[in-house]
Amino acid sequence: MRVASFGQRDNALKLKSRLQDMGYRPQLAKKGNLTRVFIGPYIDRAIAQRNLDRIAKQSDLSPELVRFIPPNE
């Protein structure tokens, strides 16, 4: 799940901290000049959707489900 994308890394770090306080294990990923905040991956789409709904309800964010593509090793 992509929770948000930020032009300033500090904003992504603040959101990461908020999500950790909510019990999630967020990860950051750099894409161009954006720092994206992700949660997951999830095996079960229903669980992912419940978490997405919970985050949207508890914040002013609009998270979206995205397909997880593992990095090349």
Protein backbone atom coordinates (compact mmCIF):
# COMPACT_ATOMS: atom_id res chain seq x y z
CA MET A 1 0.00 0.00 0.00
CA ARG A 2 1.35 3.41 -0.93
CA VAL A 3 0.28 5.76 1.84
CA ALA A 4 1.75 9.01 0.49
CA SER A 5 4.54 10.59 -1.55
CA PHE A 6 6.52 13.66 -0.55
CA GLY A 7 8.93 16.04 -2.21
CA GLN A 8 10.66 16.60 1.13
CA ARG A 9 12.09 13.55 2.88
CA ASP A 10 11.46 15.11 6.32
CA ASN A 11 7.70 14.96 5.68
CA ALA A 12 7.98 11.28 4.77
CA LEU A 13 9.92 10.62 7.97
CA LYS A 14 7.23 12.37 10.04
CA LEU A 15 4.52 10.24 8.46
CA LYS A 16 6.61 7.11 8.99
CA SER A 17 6.80 7.96 12.69
CA ARG A 18 3.02 8.57 12.90
CA LEU A 19 2.31 5.24 11.21
CA GLN A 20 4.69 3.45 13.56
CA ASP A 21 2.80 4.98 16.49
CA MET A 22 -0.39 3.52 14.96
CA GLY A 23 1.20 0.05 14.97
CA TYR A 24 2.27 -0.21 11.31
CA ARG A 25 5.72 -0.99 9.91
CA PRO A 26 6.14 1.61 7.15
CA GLN A 27 8.98 1.68 4.65
CA LEU A 28 10.38 4.54 2.60
CA ALA A 29 11.34 4.33 -1.06
CA LYS A 30 12.92 6.99 -3.27
CA LYS A 31 11.44 7.48 -6.76
CA GLY A 32 12.88 10.42 -8.68
CA ASN A 33 12.56 13.46 -6.46
CA LEU A 34 9.82 11.88 -4.31
CA THR A 35 10.06 9.87 -1.12
CA ARG A 36 7.19 7.40 -0.96
CA VAL A 37 5.78 5.84 2.19
CA PHE A 38 4.62 2.23 1.89
CA ILE A 39 3.06 -0.36 4.19
CA GLY A 40 3.13 -4.02 3.26
CA PRO A 41 3.37 -6.07 1.21
CA TYR A 42 0.17 -7.92 2.07
CA ILE A 43 -0.66 -11.46 0.98
CA ASP A 44 -4.36 -10.97 1.67
CA ARG A 45 -6.04 -8.15 -0.27
CA ALA A 46 -8.91 -7.95 2.25
CA ILE A 47 -6.48 -7.24 5.10
CA ALA A 48 -4.74 -4.62 2.98
CA GLN A 49 -8.09 -2.97 2.23
CA ARG A 50 -9.07 -2.92 5.93
CA ASN A 51 -5.78 -1.25 6.83
CA LEU A 52 -6.16 1.22 3.97
CA ASP A 53 -9.67 2.14 5.20
CA ARG A 54 -8.41 2.51 8.77
CA ILE A 55 -5.52 4.80 7.75
CA ALA A 56 -7.81 6.92 5.56
CA LYS A 57 -10.32 7.26 8.38
CA GLN A 58 -7.71 8.18 11.01
CA SER A 59 -5.87 10.73 8.87
CA ASP A 60 -6.25 13.20 6.03
CA LEU A 61 -4.41 10.80 3.69
CA SER A 62 -5.65 8.94 0.61
CA PRO A 63 -3.64 5.70 0.56
CA GLU A 64 -3.91 3.36 -2.42
CA LEU A 65 -3.26 -0.30 -3.01
CA VAL A 66 -0.41 -0.89 -5.42
CA ARG A 67 1.27 -4.07 -6.61
CA PHE A 68 4.48 -4.93 -4.78
CA ILE A 69 7.43 -5.30 -7.12
CA PRO A 70 10.50 -6.63 -5.28
CA PRO A 71 13.78 -4.88 -6.00
CA ASN A 72 16.31 -6.66 -8.17
CA GLU A 73 18.91 -8.42 -6.10
